[in-house]
Protein backbone atom coordinates (compact mmCIF):
# COMPACT_ATOMS: atom_id res chain seq x y z
CA MET A 1 -0.14 0.03 0.16
CA CYS A 2 1.24 3.45 -0.67
CA ARG A 3 1.02 6.14 1.49
CA VAL A 4 -0.24 9.54 0.22
CA LYS A 5 1.30 12.45 2.01
CA ASN A 6 -1.42 14.89 2.89
CA THR A 7 0.32 18.70 2.83
CA ILE A 8 -1.40 21.79 3.22
CA LYS A 9 -0.02 24.72 1.40
CA GLY A 10 -0.36 28.06 2.93
CA PHE A 11 0.48 30.55 6.02
CA THR A 12 0.46 29.16 9.37
CA MET A 13 -1.10 31.67 11.99
CA LEU A 14 2.38 32.50 13.24
CA GLU A 15 3.51 33.57 10.10
CA LEU A 16 0.24 35.50 9.46
CA ILE A 17 0.71 37.47 12.59
CA LEU A 18 4.16 38.31 11.89
CA ALA A 19 3.44 39.70 8.40
CA LEU A 20 0.65 41.67 9.74
CA ALA A 21 2.92 43.38 12.46
CA ILE A 22 5.80 44.16 10.04
CA GLY A 23 3.10 45.79 7.77
CA ALA A 24 1.68 47.70 10.52
CA MET A 25 5.16 48.91 11.37
CA PHE A 26 5.88 50.15 7.90
CA SER A 27 2.27 51.75 7.77
CA ALA A 28 3.09 53.53 10.97
CA ILE A 29 6.29 54.80 9.62
CA PHE A 30 4.84 56.03 6.34
CA PHE A 31 1.90 57.55 7.66
CA GLN A 32 4.16 59.53 10.32
CA PHE A 33 6.17 60.78 7.47
CA PHE A 34 3.41 61.76 5.48
CA PHE A 35 1.66 63.70 8.29
CA THR A 36 4.87 65.49 9.13
CA HIS A 37 5.37 66.53 5.40
CA GLN A 38 1.62 67.24 5.20
CA LYS A 39 1.63 70.08 8.16
CA ALA A 40 4.82 71.69 6.66
CA LEU A 41 2.94 71.78 3.23
CA ASN A 42 0.14 73.33 4.85
CA SER A 43 2.26 75.92 6.46
CA THR A 44 3.79 76.86 3.27
CA VAL A 45 0.57 77.24 1.55
CA ILE A 46 -0.51 79.51 4.18
CA LYS A 47 2.75 81.81 4.24
CA SER A 48 2.34 82.02 0.48
CA GLN A 49 -1.05 83.07 0.52
CA LEU A 50 -0.09 85.83 3.34
CA GLN A 51 2.82 86.83 1.05
CA MET A 52 0.63 87.35 -1.79
CA ASP A 53 -1.84 89.36 0.12
CA MET A 54 0.92 91.25 1.54
CA GLN A 55 2.21 92.06 -1.80
CA LEU A 56 -1.13 93.29 -3.08
CA SER A 57 -1.71 95.62 -0.13
CA THR A 58 1.85 97.13 -0.16
CA ASP A 59 1.32 97.65 -3.89
CA TYR A 60 -1.96 99.64 -3.32
CA LEU A 61 -0.40 101.62 -0.61
CA ASN A 62 2.97 102.41 -2.47
CA LYS A 63 1.14 103.61 -5.59
CA SER A 64 -1.13 105.93 -3.59
CA ALA A 65 1.84 107.27 -1.85
CA MET A 66 3.61 107.98 -4.90
CA GLU A 67 0.86 109.71 -6.43
CA THR A 68 -0.04 111.69 -3.17
CA SER A 69 1.21 114.77 -1.26
CA ARG A 70 0.28 114.23 2.44
CA ILE A 71 -1.92 112.32 4.72
CA SER A 72 -5.05 114.41 5.05
CA PHE A 73 -7.23 112.35 7.43
CA LEU A 74 -6.31 110.02 10.29
CA ASN A 75 -8.92 108.31 12.78
CA GLY A 76 -11.03 111.27 13.34
CA GLY A 77 -9.47 113.85 11.32
CA THR A 78 -6.96 115.27 13.59
CA LEU A 79 -3.20 115.50 12.56
CA ALA A 80 -1.82 117.10 15.47
CA SER A 81 1.80 117.00 16.26
CA GLU A 82 1.14 114.72 19.21
CA PHE A 83 0.61 111.90 17.10
CA THR A 84 3.95 110.16 16.81
CA SER A 85 2.50 106.72 15.53
CA GLN A 86 -0.83 105.12 15.40
CA LYS A 87 -1.42 101.47 15.95
CA LEU A 88 -4.57 100.28 14.51
CA GLY A 89 -6.29 96.96 14.68
CA ASP A 90 -9.73 95.60 15.31
CA GLN A 91 -11.37 99.05 16.57
CA GLY A 92 -10.83 100.23 13.12
CA MET A 93 -8.75 102.70 11.07
CA ILE A 94 -9.28 105.10 8.48
CA PHE A 95 -6.56 107.22 6.86
CA SER A 96 -6.47 109.28 3.78
CA VAL A 97 -3.74 110.46 1.46
CA GLU A 98 -4.42 113.14 -1.27
CA ASN A 99 -2.82 114.86 -4.21
CA SER A 100 -3.17 118.78 -3.90
CA ASP A 101 -1.95 120.06 -6.78
CA HIS A 102 -3.85 122.33 -8.97
CA ILE A 103 -4.22 120.19 -11.92
CA GLU A 104 -5.97 117.24 -10.30
CA GLN A 105 -7.27 116.45 -7.15
CA TYR A 106 -8.14 113.03 -5.55
CA SER A 107 -7.72 110.81 -2.62
CA TYR A 108 -6.99 107.39 -1.26
CA LYS A 109 -8.89 106.15 1.55
CA TYR A 110 -7.75 103.01 3.59
CA LYS A 111 -9.97 101.63 6.23
CA VAL A 112 -9.20 98.74 8.40
CA VAL A 113 -12.10 97.04 10.08
CA GLY A 114 -11.89 93.75 11.72
CA LYS A 115 -9.63 91.78 9.55
CA ASN A 116 -10.26 93.70 6.27
CA LEU A 117 -8.47 96.35 4.82
CA TYR A 118 -10.44 98.60 2.60
CA TYR A 119 -9.41 100.66 -0.14
CA THR A 120 -11.40 103.59 -2.09
CA LYS A 121 -10.21 105.96 -4.67
CA SER A 122 -12.14 109.20 -4.99
CA GLY A 123 -15.02 108.54 -7.20
CA SER A 124 -14.87 104.89 -7.24
CA PRO A 125 -16.59 102.09 -4.97
CA GLU A 126 -14.93 100.73 -1.95
CA LYS A 127 -13.21 97.22 -2.27
CA ILE A 128 -11.39 94.79 -0.10
CA ILE A 129 -7.72 94.26 -0.96
CA CYS A 130 -6.75 92.01 2.07
CA ASN A 131 -8.85 90.13 4.61
CA ASP A 132 -6.11 88.91 6.96
CA ILE A 133 -5.10 91.79 8.78
CA SER A 134 -3.63 91.56 12.36
CA TYR A 135 -2.72 94.95 12.83
CA VAL A 136 -1.43 98.34 10.96
CA LYS A 137 0.74 100.72 12.18
CA ILE A 138 1.56 104.18 10.93
CA THR A 139 4.59 106.02 11.89
CA PRO A 140 5.40 109.67 10.23
CA ILE A 141 8.98 109.68 8.78
CA ASP A 142 11.58 112.21 10.19
CA SER A 143 9.61 111.96 13.50
CA LYS A 144 7.40 114.86 12.45
CA SER A 145 3.81 114.75 12.66
CA PHE A 146 1.49 113.32 10.31
CA ALA A 147 0.41 116.81 8.71
CA GLU A 148 4.23 117.60 8.09
CA CYS A 149 5.84 114.48 7.36
CA SER A 150 7.48 113.62 4.04
CA GLY A 151 6.14 110.03 4.16
CA ILE A 152 5.20 107.21 6.57
CA VAL A 153 6.57 104.07 7.91
CA LEU A 154 4.04 101.50 7.51
CA GLU A 155 3.99 98.32 9.49
CA ILE A 156 1.37 95.42 8.65
CA GLU A 157 1.01 92.29 10.01
CA LEU A 158 -1.30 89.30 8.53
CA ILE A 159 -2.43 86.39 10.21
CA GLY A 160 -3.17 83.12 8.31
CA VAL A 161 -6.61 81.30 8.53
CA ASP A 162 -5.09 78.78 10.94
CA GLY A 163 -4.66 81.88 13.49
CA LYS A 164 -1.07 80.84 14.33
CA ILE A 165 1.15 81.78 11.17
CA THR A 166 1.62 85.28 10.90
CA TYR A 167 3.45 87.63 8.04
CA ASN A 168 5.18 90.88 8.87
CA THR A 169 6.39 93.74 6.81
CA ILE A 170 7.70 97.47 7.48
CA ASN A 171 7.83 99.56 4.53
CA SER A 172 8.83 103.15 4.22
CA ILE A 173 6.74 105.08 1.76
CA TYR A 174 7.50 108.69 0.60
CA PHE A 175 5.11 110.94 -0.88
CA ARG A 176 6.41 111.87 -4.17
CA ASN A 177 4.60 115.13 -4.52
CA LYS A 178 5.13 116.40 -1.57
CA ASN A 179 5.26 120.13 -1.64
């Protein structure tokens, strides 16, 4: 009589558990690597958006200052010499710059309300140019009053949608048409 070998092919329970454990370790390492890089990517995306918003805001402000001669209005209309700087945030801010030559008269108005920076050119509708403002600080150049200064130092801080990432800039703006 001939004996037939009865062999079963497949994994034993020990081999299966060992394979699952090794797979779980590799998955944990891969996901940890993925999530770490995902956080860095999100941070970079937020910083890039803030940088683009800051560029747009400073472009508007620089263009306005180059075409104007002075600050004509700041938070309530007074430009007294005791104002050395104005830090303006959630309570709101309005300042206006204007061209006072005899050929053409116009003004640019900027308003910060909440996190929004609004822009208006005389005769045109108001529009939002930035919606991530944390604060704006305006200081006259040459330590003069706002009424007499030849330009302003503008410090702006933007805050990202996550509430943690900020982007700052300090920009000196000189009035091109200063008399």
